[in-house]
């Protein structure tokens, strides 16, 4: 996970479930999930050794490429000011 530098991580049992989410309410904060996140090549750098490799983008590219972008996660916009904390309840709205 450290390679992807996530701001928020939501545990799920379904891979790439976030593709279907439209909104997330976390501890009272409302986020609009606006688009898939195209990843840059920095995720291929091992933060422990600073060495660049082909993974994980090589594997993701084999099944997560859209419009020449390799996708992982989603970009979200916070509506209003709020504070979230580890362990906050998450309520998701999915696309119908």
Protein backbone atom coordinates (compact mmCIF):
# COMPACT_ATOMS: atom_id res chain seq x y z
CA UNK A 1 0.00 0.00 0.00
CA UNK A 2 2.84 2.39 0.72
CA UNK A 3 3.69 2.51 -3.00
CA UNK A 4 0.22 3.85 -3.85
CA UNK A 5 0.30 6.63 -1.22
CA UNK A 6 -3.44 6.43 -0.44
CA UNK A 7 -5.15 9.14 1.59
CA UNK A 8 -8.01 6.85 2.60
CA UNK A 9 -8.16 3.05 2.56
CA UNK A 10 -11.50 1.27 2.83
CA UNK A 11 -11.32 -2.46 3.46
CA UNK A 12 -13.49 -4.52 1.12
CA UNK A 13 -13.80 -8.14 0.14
CA UNK A 14 -14.44 -7.39 -3.54
CA UNK A 15 -11.46 -6.31 -5.69
CA UNK A 16 -11.93 -2.92 -7.37
CA UNK A 17 -15.36 -2.47 -5.82
CA UNK A 18 -14.70 1.26 -5.72
CA UNK A 19 -15.38 1.40 -9.47
CA UNK A 20 -19.10 1.24 -8.61
CA UNK A 21 -19.15 3.74 -5.74
CA UNK A 22 -20.69 7.15 -6.27
CA UNK A 23 -20.54 8.65 -2.77
CA UNK A 24 -18.92 7.79 0.53
CA UNK A 25 -19.88 9.13 3.93
CA UNK A 26 -17.07 8.62 6.42
CA UNK A 27 -17.64 9.71 10.00
CA UNK A 28 -20.04 12.42 8.81
CA UNK A 29 -17.83 13.67 5.96
CA UNK A 30 -19.37 13.33 2.49
CA UNK A 31 -17.11 12.49 -0.46
CA UNK A 32 -18.15 12.43 -4.11
CA UNK A 33 -16.16 9.80 -6.00
CA UNK A 34 -15.60 11.52 -9.31
CA UNK A 35 -13.33 9.35 -11.46
CA UNK A 36 -10.94 6.39 -11.49
CA UNK A 37 -7.37 7.22 -10.52
CA UNK A 38 -4.78 6.84 -13.28
CA UNK A 39 -1.50 5.84 -11.63
CA UNK A 40 1.90 7.28 -12.44
CA UNK A 41 5.07 5.19 -12.61
CA UNK A 42 6.26 6.21 -9.13
CA UNK A 43 4.41 3.15 -7.75
CA UNK A 44 7.06 1.02 -9.49
CA UNK A 45 9.75 2.42 -7.16
CA UNK A 46 10.37 0.30 -4.06
CA UNK A 47 10.35 2.82 -1.18
CA UNK A 48 12.72 0.63 0.87
CA UNK A 49 15.44 0.31 -1.77
CA UNK A 50 14.62 3.21 -4.16
CA UNK A 51 14.97 0.73 -7.04
CA UNK A 52 12.58 0.94 -9.99
CA UNK A 53 10.95 -2.20 -11.34
CA UNK A 54 8.09 -3.13 -13.67
CA UNK A 55 5.63 -4.01 -10.92
CA UNK A 56 2.91 -3.33 -9.89
CA UNK A 57 1.96 -1.38 -13.03
CA UNK A 58 2.84 -4.27 -15.34
CA UNK A 59 0.26 -6.51 -13.69
CA UNK A 60 -2.35 -3.77 -13.35
CA UNK A 61 -1.92 -2.85 -17.02
CA UNK A 62 -2.89 -6.38 -18.03
CA UNK A 63 -6.46 -5.84 -16.82
CA UNK A 64 -6.94 -2.25 -15.50
CA UNK A 65 -6.12 -0.03 -18.50
CA UNK A 66 -8.64 2.50 -19.75
CA UNK A 67 -7.97 5.34 -22.19
CA UNK A 68 -4.22 4.64 -21.97
CA UNK A 69 -4.24 5.01 -18.17
CA UNK A 70 -3.57 2.27 -15.63
CA UNK A 71 -6.23 2.52 -12.94
CA UNK A 72 -6.09 1.86 -9.22
CA UNK A 73 -8.41 3.54 -6.72
CA UNK A 74 -10.65 6.56 -7.26
CA UNK A 75 -10.36 10.32 -6.96
CA UNK A 76 -12.80 11.86 -4.49
CA UNK A 77 -13.91 15.38 -3.59
CA UNK A 78 -14.80 16.27 0.00
CA UNK A 79 -18.02 18.28 0.34
CA UNK A 80 -17.54 20.80 3.14
CA UNK A 81 -15.07 20.80 5.99
CA UNK A 82 -14.85 17.76 8.22
CA UNK A 83 -12.47 15.51 10.10
CA UNK A 84 -12.27 11.75 9.62
CA UNK A 85 -10.47 9.23 11.80
CA UNK A 86 -9.25 5.67 11.59
CA UNK A 87 -12.15 3.40 12.50
CA UNK A 88 -14.93 5.78 11.37
CA UNK A 89 -17.99 4.06 9.94
CA UNK A 90 -18.23 4.15 6.14
CA UNK A 91 -21.51 4.32 4.26
CA UNK A 92 -21.27 3.87 0.49
CA UNK A 93 -23.66 4.70 -2.31
CA UNK A 94 -23.21 2.65 -5.45
CA UNK A 95 -24.23 3.35 -9.02
CA UNK A 96 -27.59 1.76 -9.71
